[in-house]
Amino acid sequence: AAATSATTTAAAAHARRISRQAAERARQASLRVAELLRTLHPAAWLVVGTALVQHRRSRAAKRGDLREIRSQVFTDDFHIAIVTTAALPWMTGTAINPLLRAAYLSKAGRSVTLAVPWLHPREQALVFPGRLRFDDPQAQERHIRLWLAERGGVRADFRLRFYPARYDLDRGSILPLGDVTGCFEAGECDVCVLEEPEHLNWYHSGANWRHRFKLVIGVVHTNYLYYARMYAGAATAAVLKRLNEWMCGAYCDRVIKLSGTIQPLPRAVVCNVHGVRSEFLEIGRRAARSHFPPRRAGAYFLGKVLWAKGHRLLIDYLSLQQSLGQPPTHVDVYGGGEDLAEVEVEAAARELRLSFFPPTDHSGATLRRYKVFINPSQSEVLSTTTAEALAMGKFVVVQRHPSNDFFMQFRNTLPYDTPEEFLQQLQAALDSEPEPLSAEERRALSWEGATDRFLEAVSNCTLSDVLPTLGDHATRWVHATVQKGGPVGDRLRRASGAGPVWKQSWLAQEKWRAAPPTEIVEASILATPPGMAPVRASAAPPRR
């Protein structure tokens, strides 16, 4: 024990010495740059000198914040504010997963506030299913909490706030309007979780999240670069890649990537902080105890029908099966989407045994009878449907790909590298029975397990990892200058394709600073009516 303690002490002393040496080198480099600029032009020296002083003050303030929040995390005395880009009844991942994160953090005894977007009823019609519409946030909150209790399987006491937002038809996503940091009171500004931080900050015109909160965690959900390359080309993808890096660097102290398929980002770690709803685990538990009829159906694929979602690969794999002279495998495809008609035509042209059905509830009786879930998609960050299928005790046939790394720990995962191996694993699954989930596997898939992983990621943040760099401050300064530039900022947002949120200079007026989100959205609708936003100069990736 004494030897271990001495080793730990020596390692800590060595780390402090290395840190001091690095700080001294950075200080000397800054002095050399300042001296060079002073020689070239006194005004340049003054500007850079002021920026360096502000940078050092900001780092010192953040260092104090981080020390304070680490002490609070140790005693579990801190508030968690979560901001996301979608809300129920839009059944998308960024509406459901942050809601469940807030609920389970609250259930675990944490103080939580969840902020979700408020859309005008005219734009709700573009997003929400059926005839679901809400005249005020209170009605939507009742719907959200009812779903959480009935379908999420959890009742939790957390605060729910709404911020003003607009729906962008071009992107197929919701964009914040104005300063979202203003949603939170002073006592709620300990830890902030930005769900999709790049998305939230593209047109952010408010305070710096890293100044408003002691610790800012960004959780990246979507592989925007994949969609940008597919739908908008390599040039747009390259610009988007750099923009995402800047947004996460400027506004996040730590970034959590759900899988390694996400682009490199500053101060990022890979960790799956999502779980599956308890109803899926209960289905798997009951199936293992033979409470359900035997699963006589074969293989199925569930998801939005897009070529980018793996349907092209599925057709190619089953066509290879034909060319090899193997008996054809029947696969049922559930879902709707923009490419459904084309996929059906292609499958018929190749004479494949694919049957197509409309979208259905993954936990419903229709899909319980299947024992093999296949997902050849390479565009996912972390497939929720794959996790749900595993939770229900099914085989999953997935590619060895960074998006599927988390699933490799489960016995019922059948991975493949090549099309031939896909066919082998599919046949092996159809010819055998899946193993019941172990207690460890159930915990790993549950939201309780995801909450543990999230809290561990928060507690592991260190000063050396998360302090802002000079580049972070430069990016924030440029971005804030553009976004707060009054009418000039409006024109720049319009040129960059901000859609319905391009006109925001009017929000700087005093009367709008404390206005409720319903009034702000109503005024925005009058300024830029739905469908009347300026045409974008270049396409951007779709939301899903």
Protein backbone atom coordinates (compact mmCIF):
# COMPACT_ATOMS: atom_id res chain seq x y z
CA ALA A 1 0.00 0.00 0.00
CA ALA A 2 2.87 2.34 0.88
CA ALA A 3 4.53 1.61 -2.46
CA THR A 4 1.27 2.27 -4.31
CA SER A 5 0.77 5.56 -2.45
CA ALA A 6 4.34 6.65 -3.24
CA THR A 7 3.89 5.79 -6.91
CA THR A 8 0.63 7.76 -7.07
CA THR A 9 2.20 10.76 -5.37
CA ALA A 10 5.18 10.69 -7.73
CA ALA A 11 2.89 10.44 -10.76
CA ALA A 12 0.83 13.39 -9.55
CA ALA A 13 3.96 15.46 -8.96
CA HIS A 14 5.24 14.58 -12.43
CA ALA A 15 1.89 15.60 -13.98
CA ARG A 16 1.98 18.95 -12.15
CA ARG A 17 5.54 19.55 -13.31
CA ILE A 18 4.63 18.79 -16.93
CA SER A 19 1.60 21.09 -16.65
CA ARG A 20 3.72 23.96 -15.30
CA GLN A 21 6.27 23.49 -18.07
CA ALA A 22 3.54 23.54 -20.72
CA ALA A 23 2.00 26.68 -19.21
CA GLU A 24 5.38 28.41 -19.18
CA ARG A 25 6.02 27.48 -22.83
CA ALA A 26 2.59 28.86 -23.77
CA ARG A 27 3.30 32.09 -21.86
CA GLN A 28 6.66 32.54 -23.57
CA ALA A 29 5.13 31.90 -26.98
CA SER A 30 2.40 34.47 -26.29
CA LEU A 31 5.02 37.05 -25.29
CA ARG A 32 6.98 36.41 -28.48
CA VAL A 33 3.86 36.84 -30.63
CA ALA A 34 2.93 40.02 -28.77
CA GLU A 35 6.43 41.44 -29.23
CA LEU A 36 6.35 40.67 -32.94
CA LEU A 37 2.97 42.38 -33.37
CA ARG A 38 4.09 45.39 -31.32
CA THR A 39 7.05 45.77 -33.69
CA LEU A 40 4.82 45.51 -36.75
CA HIS A 41 2.06 47.83 -35.55
CA PRO A 42 1.21 49.15 -32.07
CA ALA A 43 -2.55 48.86 -32.68
CA ALA A 44 -2.21 45.17 -33.54
CA TRP A 45 -0.25 44.63 -30.34
CA LEU A 46 -2.98 46.36 -28.34
CA VAL A 47 -5.73 44.21 -29.87
CA VAL A 48 -3.88 40.95 -29.36
CA GLY A 49 -2.74 41.96 -25.89
CA THR A 50 -6.33 42.69 -24.86
CA ALA A 51 -7.47 39.35 -26.31
CA LEU A 52 -4.75 37.48 -24.43
CA VAL A 53 -5.65 39.17 -21.15
CA GLN A 54 -9.34 38.30 -21.65
CA HIS A 55 -8.37 34.74 -22.54
CA ARG A 56 -6.34 34.31 -19.36
CA ARG A 57 -9.14 35.79 -17.24
CA SER A 58 -11.66 33.48 -18.88
CA ARG A 59 -9.48 30.42 -18.24
CA ALA A 60 -9.05 31.47 -14.62
CA ALA A 61 -12.82 31.88 -14.21
CA LYS A 62 -13.49 28.52 -15.85
CA ARG A 63 -10.85 26.89 -13.64
CA GLY A 64 -12.71 28.18 -10.60
CA ASP A 65 -16.06 26.97 -11.99
CA LEU A 66 -14.68 23.50 -12.65
CA ARG A 67 -13.19 23.16 -9.19
CA GLU A 68 -16.53 24.20 -7.70
CA ILE A 69 -18.56 21.83 -9.85
CA ARG A 70 -16.21 18.93 -9.09
CA SER A 71 -16.84 19.52 -5.40
CA GLN A 72 -20.59 19.66 -6.06
CA VAL A 73 -20.51 16.46 -8.15
CA PHE A 74 -18.66 14.69 -5.34
CA THR A 75 -21.49 15.56 -2.93
CA ASP A 76 -24.28 15.13 -5.54
CA ASP A 77 -25.30 18.75 -4.92
CA PHE A 78 -25.66 20.16 -8.42
CA HIS A 79 -28.34 21.01 -10.97
CA ILE A 80 -28.45 19.56 -14.50
CA ALA A 81 -29.97 21.64 -17.31
CA ILE A 82 -30.68 19.71 -20.53
CA VAL A 83 -31.41 21.42 -23.87
CA THR A 84 -32.56 19.46 -26.89
CA THR A 85 -33.68 20.15 -30.45
CA ALA A 86 -37.02 18.31 -30.60
CA ALA A 87 -40.01 17.44 -28.43
CA LEU A 88 -42.84 14.92 -28.36
CA PRO A 89 -45.11 14.14 -30.06
CA TRP A 90 -42.43 14.22 -32.78
CA MET A 91 -41.15 10.65 -32.37
CA THR A 92 -37.50 11.31 -33.13
CA GLY A 93 -34.42 10.36 -31.14
CA THR A 94 -33.61 13.88 -29.97
CA ALA A 95 -37.12 14.20 -28.53
CA ILE A 96 -37.24 10.83 -26.77
CA ASN A 97 -33.70 10.23 -25.48
CA PRO A 98 -33.15 13.59 -23.75
CA LEU A 99 -36.61 13.26 -22.15
CA LEU A 100 -35.70 9.84 -20.78
CA ARG A 101 -32.29 11.13 -19.69
CA ALA A 102 -33.97 13.91 -17.70
CA ALA A 103 -36.46 11.46 -16.17
CA TYR A 104 -33.87 8.89 -15.08
CA LEU A 105 -31.47 11.53 -13.76
CA SER A 106 -34.36 12.91 -11.72
CA LYS A 107 -35.31 9.42 -10.61
CA ALA A 108 -31.70 8.96 -9.45
CA GLY A 109 -32.09 11.97 -7.17
CA ARG A 110 -30.60 14.72 -9.35
CA SER A 111 -32.19 18.14 -9.79
CA VAL A 112 -33.03 18.50 -13.50
CA THR A 113 -34.54 21.03 -15.90
CA LEU A 114 -35.30 20.02 -19.51
CA ALA A 115 -35.68 22.72 -22.18
CA VAL A 116 -37.48 21.75 -25.41
CA PRO A 117 -38.54 23.80 -28.48
CA TRP A 118 -41.94 25.44 -28.77
CA LEU A 119 -43.33 25.54 -32.31
CA HIS A 120 -46.23 27.60 -33.58
CA PRO A 121 -49.33 25.44 -34.28
CA ARG A 122 -48.91 26.19 -38.00
CA GLU A 123 -45.49 24.55 -37.92
CA GLN A 124 -46.58 21.79 -35.53
CA ALA A 125 -48.68 20.56 -38.46
CA LEU A 126 -45.44 19.99 -40.40
CA VAL A 127 -43.90 17.83 -37.68
CA PHE A 128 -46.37 16.26 -35.28
CA PRO A 129 -48.25 13.09 -36.33
CA GLY A 130 -51.95 12.93 -37.07
CA ARG A 131 -53.95 15.89 -35.85
CA LEU A 132 -51.97 16.51 -32.66
CA ARG A 133 -51.72 20.27 -32.11
CA PHE A 134 -51.17 22.38 -29.00
CA ASP A 135 -52.29 25.95 -28.45
CA ASP A 136 -49.96 26.52 -25.52
CA PRO A 137 -46.88 24.90 -23.92
CA GLN A 138 -48.89 23.68 -20.94
CA ALA A 139 -50.99 21.40 -23.16
CA GLN A 140 -47.88 19.98 -24.82
CA GLU A 141 -46.24 19.43 -21.43
CA ARG A 142 -49.24 17.38 -20.31
CA HIS A 143 -48.91 15.23 -23.43
CA ILE A 144 -45.17 14.75 -22.86
CA ARG A 145 -45.59 13.73 -19.22
CA LEU A 146 -48.45 11.36 -20.08
CA TRP A 147 -46.30 9.62 -22.72
CA LEU A 148 -43.41 9.41 -20.26
CA ALA A 149 -45.57 7.66 -17.69
CA GLU A 150 -47.44 5.34 -20.06
CA ARG A 151 -44.79 4.49 -22.67
CA GLY A 152 -41.54 5.55 -21.03
CA GLY A 153 -42.47 3.62 -17.91
CA VAL A 154 -41.16 6.26 -15.51
CA ARG A 155 -42.63 9.03 -13.42
CA ALA A 156 -40.18 11.73 -12.44
CA ASP A 157 -40.29 15.19 -10.91
CA PHE A 158 -38.23 17.44 -13.18
CA ARG A 159 -38.89 20.90 -14.57
CA LEU A 160 -39.90 21.29 -18.20
CA ARG A 161 -39.30 24.56 -20.04
CA PHE A 162 -39.99 25.67 -23.61
CA TYR A 163 -37.81 27.93 -25.73
CA PRO A 164 -38.91 29.65 -28.97
CA ALA A 165 -38.04 27.79 -32.17
CA ARG A 166 -38.93 27.40 -35.83
CA TYR A 167 -39.17 24.41 -38.16
CA ASP A 168 -36.80 24.50 -41.15
CA LEU A 169 -38.33 22.70 -44.11
CA ASP A 170 -35.02 22.44 -45.97
CA ARG A 171 -33.20 20.70 -43.14
CA GLY A 172 -36.25 18.89 -41.81
CA SER A 173 -35.28 20.01 -38.31
CA ILE A 174 -36.05 22.56 -35.60
CA LEU A 175 -33.82 25.61 -35.11
CA PRO A 176 -33.68 27.70 -31.90
CA LEU A 177 -34.78 31.32 -32.04
CA GLY A 178 -32.95 33.88 -29.90
CA ASP A 179 -31.02 33.28 -26.67
CA VAL A 180 -31.84 29.83 -25.28
CA THR A 181 -29.51 30.31 -22.30
CA GLY A 182 -32.13 32.69 -20.90
CA CYS A 183 -34.47 29.74 -20.20
CA PHE A 184 -32.63 28.95 -17.01
CA GLU A 185 -32.59 30.67 -13.64
CA ALA A 186 -29.40 31.45 -11.72
CA GLY A 187 -29.78 28.39 -9.49
CA GLU A 188 -30.01 26.08 -12.51
CA CYS A 189 -26.61 26.93 -14.02
CA ASP A 190 -24.31 24.18 -12.73
CA VAL A 191 -24.09 21.48 -15.44
CA CYS A 192 -25.60 22.00 -18.90
CA VAL A 193 -26.18 19.17 -21.38
CA LEU A 194 -26.51 20.29 -24.99
CA GLU A 195 -28.16 17.52 -27.00
CA GLU A 196 -26.76 18.02 -30.51
CA PRO A 197 -24.49 20.97 -29.60
CA GLU A 198 -23.49 21.72 -33.18
CA HIS A 199 -27.14 21.93 -34.25
CA LEU A 200 -28.11 24.10 -31.28
CA ASN A 201 -25.31 26.58 -31.93
CA TRP A 202 -25.23 27.06 -35.71
CA TYR A 203 -27.31 30.22 -35.30
CA HIS A 204 -26.93 30.78 -31.54
CA SER A 205 -27.15 34.50 -30.78
CA GLY A 206 -27.13 34.46 -26.97
CA ALA A 207 -24.65 34.25 -24.13
CA ASN A 208 -21.72 31.85 -24.19
CA TRP A 209 -22.89 28.55 -22.70
CA ARG A 210 -19.43 28.05 -21.15
CA HIS A 211 -19.74 31.36 -19.28
CA ARG A 212 -23.36 30.85 -18.26
CA PHE A 213 -22.74 27.33 -16.84
CA LYS A 214 -19.92 25.86 -14.78
CA LEU A 215 -19.65 22.75 -16.97
CA VAL A 216 -21.13 22.24 -20.46
CA ILE A 217 -21.47 18.69 -21.86
CA GLY A 218 -22.37 18.22 -25.52
CA VAL A 219 -23.99 14.92 -26.58
CA VAL A 220 -23.67 14.36 -30.34
CA HIS A 221 -26.53 12.29 -31.82
CA THR A 222 -26.40 12.66 -35.59
CA ASN A 223 -23.82 11.87 -38.27
CA TYR A 224 -24.46 15.06 -40.24
CA LEU A 225 -21.38 14.57 -42.41
CA TYR A 226 -22.73 11.30 -43.82
CA TYR A 227 -25.93 12.97 -44.97
CA ALA A 228 -24.06 16.02 -46.24
CA ARG A 229 -21.82 13.87 -48.44
CA MET A 230 -24.79 11.91 -49.77
CA TYR A 231 -27.20 14.78 -50.42
CA ALA A 232 -25.07 17.92 -50.78
CA GLY A 233 -21.63 16.82 -51.93
CA ALA A 234 -18.09 16.77 -50.59
CA ALA A 235 -17.64 20.57 -50.54
CA THR A 236 -20.66 21.13 -48.26
CA ALA A 237 -19.55 18.24 -46.06
CA ALA A 238 -16.10 19.79 -45.66
CA VAL A 239 -17.58 23.14 -44.61
CA LEU A 240 -20.00 21.46 -42.22
CA LYS A 241 -17.18 19.40 -40.68
CA ARG A 242 -15.20 22.52 -39.84
CA LEU A 243 -18.30 24.37 -38.59
CA ASN A 244 -19.21 21.50 -36.24
CA GLU A 245 -15.67 21.47 -34.84
CA TRP A 246 -15.85 25.21 -34.19
CA MET A 247 -19.28 25.10 -32.54
CA CYS A 248 -18.34 22.25 -30.20
CA GLY A 249 -14.97 23.82 -29.40
CA ALA A 250 -16.42 27.25 -28.68
CA TYR A 251 -19.44 26.18 -26.60
CA CYS A 252 -18.67 22.79 -24.97
CA ASP A 253 -16.28 21.88 -22.16
CA ARG A 254 -16.69 18.18 -22.91
CA VAL A 255 -18.22 16.36 -25.89
CA ILE A 256 -19.71 12.86 -25.67
CA LYS A 257 -19.98 10.99 -28.96
CA LEU A 258 -22.42 8.10 -28.86
CA SER A 259 -20.10 6.12 -31.15
CA GLY A 260 -16.86 6.41 -33.05
CA THR A 261 -18.65 7.07 -36.32
CA ILE A 262 -18.96 10.78 -35.41
CA GLN A 263 -16.29 13.12 -36.79
CA PRO A 264 -13.36 14.09 -34.52
CA LEU A 265 -14.40 16.89 -32.16
CA PRO A 266 -12.54 18.89 -29.49
CA ARG A 267 -12.35 17.33 -26.01
CA ALA A 268 -14.48 14.38 -27.10
CA VAL A 269 -14.93 10.92 -25.59
CA VAL A 270 -16.91 7.98 -27.00
CA CYS A 271 -19.59 6.66 -24.66
CA ASN A 272 -23.12 5.37 -25.18
CA VAL A 273 -25.20 7.39 -22.72
CA HIS A 274 -28.54 6.14 -24.13
CA GLY A 275 -30.69 3.25 -22.97
CA VAL A 276 -33.88 1.49 -24.03
CA ARG A 277 -37.31 1.87 -22.47
CA SER A 278 -38.23 -0.61 -19.76
CA GLU A 279 -41.04 -2.12 -21.84
CA PHE A 280 -38.51 -3.63 -24.26
CA LEU A 281 -36.53 -5.24 -21.45
CA GLU A 282 -39.77 -6.61 -19.98
CA ILE A 283 -40.66 -8.16 -23.35
CA GLY A 284 -37.27 -9.86 -23.42
CA ARG A 285 -37.63 -11.07 -19.84
CA ARG A 286 -41.07 -12.56 -20.48
CA ALA A 287 -39.99 -14.11 -23.78
CA ALA A 288 -37.10 -15.87 -22.02
CA ARG A 289 -39.63 -17.35 -19.56
CA SER A 290 -41.80 -18.64 -22.46
CA HIS A 291 -44.69 -16.30 -21.60
CA PHE A 292 -45.00 -15.52 -25.30
CA PRO A 293 -45.76 -17.94 -28.15
CA PRO A 294 -42.68 -19.28 -30.00
CA ARG A 295 -41.23 -16.81 -32.49
CA ARG A 296 -42.10 -18.38 -35.81
CA ALA A 297 -41.45 -15.37 -38.02
CA GLY A 298 -38.00 -14.92 -39.53
CA ALA A 299 -36.09 -11.73 -40.21
CA TYR A 300 -37.22 -8.12 -40.33
CA PHE A 301 -35.81 -4.63 -40.86
CA LEU A 302 -37.44 -1.63 -39.16
CA GLY A 303 -36.68 2.01 -39.90
CA LYS A 304 -37.23 4.94 -42.19
CA VAL A 305 -37.01 3.75 -45.79
CA LEU A 306 -34.08 5.65 -47.27
CA TRP A 307 -31.30 4.41 -49.47
CA ALA A 308 -28.91 5.97 -46.95
CA LYS A 309 -30.39 3.86 -44.13
CA GLY A 310 -29.12 0.55 -45.48
CA HIS A 311 -31.88 -0.51 -47.86
CA ARG A 312 -29.48 -0.39 -50.82
CA LEU A 313 -27.10 -2.71 -48.99
CA LEU A 314 -29.91 -5.11 -48.04
CA ILE A 315 -31.00 -5.40 -51.66
CA ASP A 316 -27.41 -5.97 -52.77
CA TYR A 317 -26.86 -8.67 -50.13
CA LEU A 318 -30.01 -10.59 -51.07
CA SER A 319 -29.16 -10.24 -54.77
CA LEU A 320 -25.78 -11.83 -54.02
CA GLN A 321 -27.64 -14.70 -52.37
CA GLN A 322 -29.50 -15.24 -55.64
CA SER A 323 -26.34 -15.13 -57.73
CA LEU A 324 -24.69 -17.72 -55.46
CA GLY A 325 -27.61 -20.08 -56.02
CA GLN A 326 -28.57 -20.17 -52.36
CA PRO A 327 -32.19 -20.59 -51.24
CA PRO A 328 -33.78 -17.11 -51.03
CA THR A 329 -34.38 -15.61 -47.59
CA HIS A 330 -37.61 -13.76 -46.93
CA VAL A 331 -37.25 -10.43 -45.12
CA ASP A 332 -40.07 -8.16 -43.96
CA VAL A 333 -39.35 -4.42 -44.18
CA TYR A 334 -41.31 -2.06 -41.90
CA GLY A 335 -41.31 1.70 -42.34
CA GLY A 336 -42.10 4.62 -44.58
CA GLY A 337 -39.95 7.25 -46.16
CA GLU A 338 -39.06 9.30 -49.20
CA ASP A 339 -37.39 6.37 -51.00
CA LEU A 340 -40.03 3.71 -50.27
CA ALA A 341 -41.43 3.59 -53.81
CA GLU A 342 -37.97 3.34 -55.38
CA VAL A 343 -36.91 0.61 -52.97
CA GLU A 344 -40.05 -1.40 -53.71
CA VAL A 345 -39.49 -1.08 -57.46
CA GLU A 346 -35.85 -2.13 -57.17
CA ALA A 347 -36.71 -5.15 -55.01
CA ALA A 348 -39.40 -6.25 -57.48
CA ALA A 349 -37.07 -5.78 -60.44
CA ARG A 350 -34.50 -8.08 -58.83
CA GLU A 351 -37.23 -10.57 -57.83
CA LEU A 352 -36.24 -10.53 -54.17
CA ARG A 353 -38.39 -11.92 -51.38
CA LEU A 354 -38.94 -8.63 -49.63
CA SER A 355 -42.34 -7.68 -48.19
CA PHE A 356 -43.07 -4.06 -47.28
CA PHE A 357 -45.30 -2.92 -44.43
CA PRO A 358 -46.12 0.51 -42.96
CA PRO A 359 -44.37 1.79 -39.82
CA THR A 360 -45.36 0.01 -36.63
CA ASP A 361 -44.53 0.07 -32.94
CA HIS A 362 -41.37 -1.92 -32.28
CA SER A 363 -42.76 -3.18 -28.98
CA GLY A 364 -46.13 -4.16 -30.45
CA ALA A 365 -47.45 -7.66 -30.95
CA THR A 366 -46.71 -7.60 -34.70
CA LEU A 367 -42.93 -7.46 -34.28
CA ARG A 368 -42.66 -9.60 -31.15
CA ARG A 369 -43.05 -12.74 -33.25
CA TYR A 370 -39.75 -12.20 -35.07
CA LYS A 371 -36.49 -13.54 -33.69
CA VAL A 372 -33.97 -11.93 -36.10
CA PHE A 373 -33.46 -8.19 -36.59
CA ILE A 374 -31.17 -7.09 -39.39
CA ASN A 375 -29.70 -3.62 -39.76
CA PRO A 376 -27.18 -3.10 -42.58
CA SER A 377 -27.18 0.69 -42.16
CA GLN A 378 -23.83 2.51 -42.10
CA SER A 379 -25.30 5.97 -41.50
CA GLU A 380 -26.34 5.47 -37.87
CA VAL A 381 -24.52 6.93 -34.91
CA LEU A 382 -26.07 4.40 -32.51
CA SER A 383 -29.14 2.49 -33.66
CA THR A 384 -32.00 2.67 -31.16
CA THR A 385 -33.88 -0.11 -32.95
CA THR A 386 -30.87 -2.45 -32.70
CA ALA A 387 -30.70 -1.83 -28.94
CA GLU A 388 -34.45 -2.43 -28.64
CA ALA A 389 -34.22 -5.72 -30.55
CA LEU A 390 -31.42 -6.92 -28.26
CA ALA A 391 -33.46 -5.90 -25.22
CA MET A 392 -36.36 -8.02 -26.51
CA GLY A 393 -34.03 -11.02 -26.63
CA LYS A 394 -33.62 -11.24 -30.40
CA PHE A 395 -30.66 -11.90 -32.65
CA VAL A 396 -29.30 -8.80 -34.36
CA VAL A 397 -27.26 -9.07 -37.55
CA VAL A 398 -25.12 -5.93 -37.91
CA GLN A 399 -21.91 -4.89 -39.62
CA ARG A 400 -18.63 -4.50 -37.74
CA HIS A 401 -18.69 -0.73 -37.85
CA PRO A 402 -17.91 2.03 -35.29
CA SER A 403 -21.65 2.72 -34.92
CA ASN A 404 -22.13 -0.86 -33.69
CA ASP A 405 -19.16 -1.16 -31.31
CA PHE A 406 -21.41 -0.95 -28.24
CA PHE A 407 -23.45 -3.97 -29.41
CA MET A 408 -20.45 -6.27 -29.79
CA GLN A 409 -20.55 -7.12 -26.06
CA PHE A 410 -23.88 -8.97 -26.38
CA ARG A 411 -24.09 -12.68 -27.08
CA ASN A 412 -27.01 -12.30 -29.50
CA THR A 413 -25.13 -9.88 -31.74
CA LEU A 414 -24.02 -11.58 -34.97
CA PRO A 415 -21.52 -9.27 -36.69
CA TYR A 416 -20.28 -9.45 -40.27
CA ASP A 417 -17.59 -7.82 -42.40
CA THR A 418 -18.51 -8.91 -45.92
CA PRO A 419 -21.74 -9.54 -47.84
CA GLU A 420 -20.98 -13.27 -47.80
CA GLU A 421 -20.59 -13.20 -44.02
CA PHE A 422 -23.90 -11.32 -43.74
CA LEU A 423 -25.65 -14.20 -45.49
CA GLN A 424 -23.91 -16.73 -43.25
CA GLN A 425 -24.86 -14.92 -40.04
CA LEU A 426 -28.44 -14.41 -41.22
CA GLN A 427 -28.83 -18.13 -41.91
CA ALA A 428 -27.20 -19.05 -38.58
CA ALA A 429 -29.68 -16.83 -36.76
CA LEU A 430 -32.66 -18.31 -38.56
CA ASP A 431 -31.46 -21.84 -37.73
CA SER A 432 -30.95 -21.29 -33.98
CA GLU A 433 -32.47 -19.66 -30.90
CA PRO A 434 -31.16 -16.52 -29.15
CA GLU A 435 -29.76 -16.63 -25.62
CA PRO A 436 -31.73 -15.02 -22.77
CA LEU A 437 -30.15 -11.75 -21.65
CA SER A 438 -27.93 -11.90 -18.59
CA ALA A 439 -28.38 -9.43 -15.72
CA GLU A 440 -25.25 -7.57 -16.87
CA GLU A 441 -26.58 -7.31 -20.44
CA ARG A 442 -29.94 -6.00 -19.25
CA ARG A 443 -28.21 -3.39 -17.10
CA ALA A 444 -26.02 -2.26 -20.00
CA LEU A 445 -29.09 -1.74 -22.21
CA SER A 446 -31.24 -0.05 -19.55
CA TRP A 447 -31.58 3.67 -18.88
CA GLU A 448 -30.29 3.04 -15.35
CA GLY A 449 -27.05 1.79 -16.89
CA ALA A 450 -26.96 4.70 -19.34
CA THR A 451 -27.45 7.15 -16.47
CA ASP A 452 -24.52 5.60 -14.60
CA ARG A 453 -22.32 5.99 -17.67
CA PHE A 454 -23.39 9.59 -18.13
CA LEU A 455 -22.68 10.56 -14.52
CA GLU A 456 -19.31 8.83 -14.72
CA ALA A 457 -18.44 10.87 -17.84
CA VAL A 458 -19.38 14.06 -15.97
CA SER A 459 -17.34 13.15 -12.89
CA ASN A 460 -14.29 12.28 -15.03
CA CYS A 461 -13.91 15.80 -16.45
CA THR A 462 -10.56 17.27 -15.39
CA LEU A 463 -9.16 20.80 -15.54
CA SER A 464 -6.57 19.96 -18.17
CA ASP A 465 -9.21 18.38 -20.40
CA VAL A 466 -11.83 21.10 -20.53
CA LEU A 467 -10.24 24.54 -20.16
CA PRO A 468 -10.96 26.78 -23.19
CA THR A 469 -8.18 27.42 -25.67
CA LEU A 470 -7.33 30.66 -27.40
CA GLY A 471 -8.85 29.17 -30.56
CA ASP A 472 -12.11 28.53 -28.72
CA HIS A 473 -12.31 32.17 -27.68
CA ALA A 474 -11.46 33.41 -31.16
CA THR A 475 -14.19 31.22 -32.67
CA ARG A 476 -16.73 32.40 -30.11
CA TRP A 477 -15.83 36.06 -30.74
CA VAL A 478 -16.23 35.73 -34.52
CA HIS A 479 -19.46 33.73 -34.20
CA ALA A 480 -20.98 36.15 -31.68
CA THR A 481 -20.01 39.14 -33.83
CA VAL A 482 -21.82 37.65 -36.81
CA GLN A 483 -24.91 36.49 -34.90
CA LYS A 484 -25.35 39.74 -32.93
CA GLY A 485 -24.64 42.05 -35.85
CA GLY A 486 -28.13 43.55 -36.07
CA PRO A 487 -29.46 43.89 -39.64
CA VAL A 488 -26.01 42.88 -40.95
CA GLY A 489 -26.25 39.70 -38.91
CA ASP A 490 -29.70 39.07 -40.40
CA ARG A 491 -28.28 39.35 -43.90
CA LEU A 492 -25.38 37.03 -43.07
CA ARG A 493 -27.75 34.45 -41.60
CA ARG A 494 -29.94 34.72 -44.68
CA ALA A 495 -26.95 34.20 -46.99
CA SER A 496 -25.80 31.17 -44.97
CA GLY A 497 -29.20 29.47 -45.21
CA ALA A 498 -30.69 30.04 -41.76
CA GLY A 499 -34.18 29.42 -43.11
CA PRO A 500 -36.99 30.76 -40.89
CA VAL A 501 -34.60 32.02 -38.16
CA TRP A 502 -32.56 34.35 -40.40
CA LYS A 503 -34.38 37.47 -39.13
CA GLN A 504 -33.51 37.87 -35.43
CA SER A 505 -32.25 41.44 -34.97
CA TRP A 506 -35.67 42.50 -33.67
CA LEU A 507 -35.16 40.22 -30.64
CA ALA A 508 -32.59 42.71 -29.28
CA GLN A 509 -35.42 45.10 -28.41
CA GLU A 510 -36.09 45.38 -24.69
CA LYS A 511 -39.70 44.18 -24.90
CA TRP A 512 -38.67 40.80 -26.27
CA ARG A 513 -36.00 39.95 -23.70
CA ALA A 514 -38.48 38.62 -21.14
CA ALA A 515 -41.31 37.73 -23.54
CA PRO A 516 -42.78 34.19 -23.34
CA PRO A 517 -41.85 31.78 -26.14
CA THR A 518 -45.39 31.82 -27.56
CA GLU A 519 -45.23 35.57 -28.22
CA ILE A 520 -41.73 35.40 -29.71
CA VAL A 521 -42.72 32.57 -32.05
CA GLU A 522 -45.92 34.38 -33.06
CA ALA A 523 -43.90 37.48 -33.98
CA SER A 524 -41.37 35.38 -35.90
CA ILE A 525 -44.16 33.70 -37.87
CA LEU A 526 -45.36 37.15 -38.96
CA ALA A 527 -41.81 38.19 -39.93
CA THR A 528 -40.97 34.99 -41.85
CA PRO A 529 -44.11 32.88 -42.49
CA PRO A 530 -43.74 29.10 -42.88
CA GLY A 531 -42.68 28.21 -46.41
CA MET A 532 -41.60 31.80 -47.10
CA ALA A 533 -38.02 31.51 -45.82
CA PRO A 534 -35.29 32.46 -48.31
CA VAL A 535 -34.09 29.79 -50.69
CA ARG A 536 -30.81 28.30 -49.53
CA ALA A 537 -27.74 28.67 -51.64
CA SER A 538 -26.76 25.07 -51.05
CA ALA A 539 -28.51 22.01 -49.73
CA ALA A 540 -27.91 20.78 -46.20
CA PRO A 541 -28.28 17.30 -44.76
CA PRO A 542 -31.78 16.19 -43.78
CA ARG A 543 -32.62 15.73 -40.12
CA ARG A 544 -33.13 11.99 -40.28
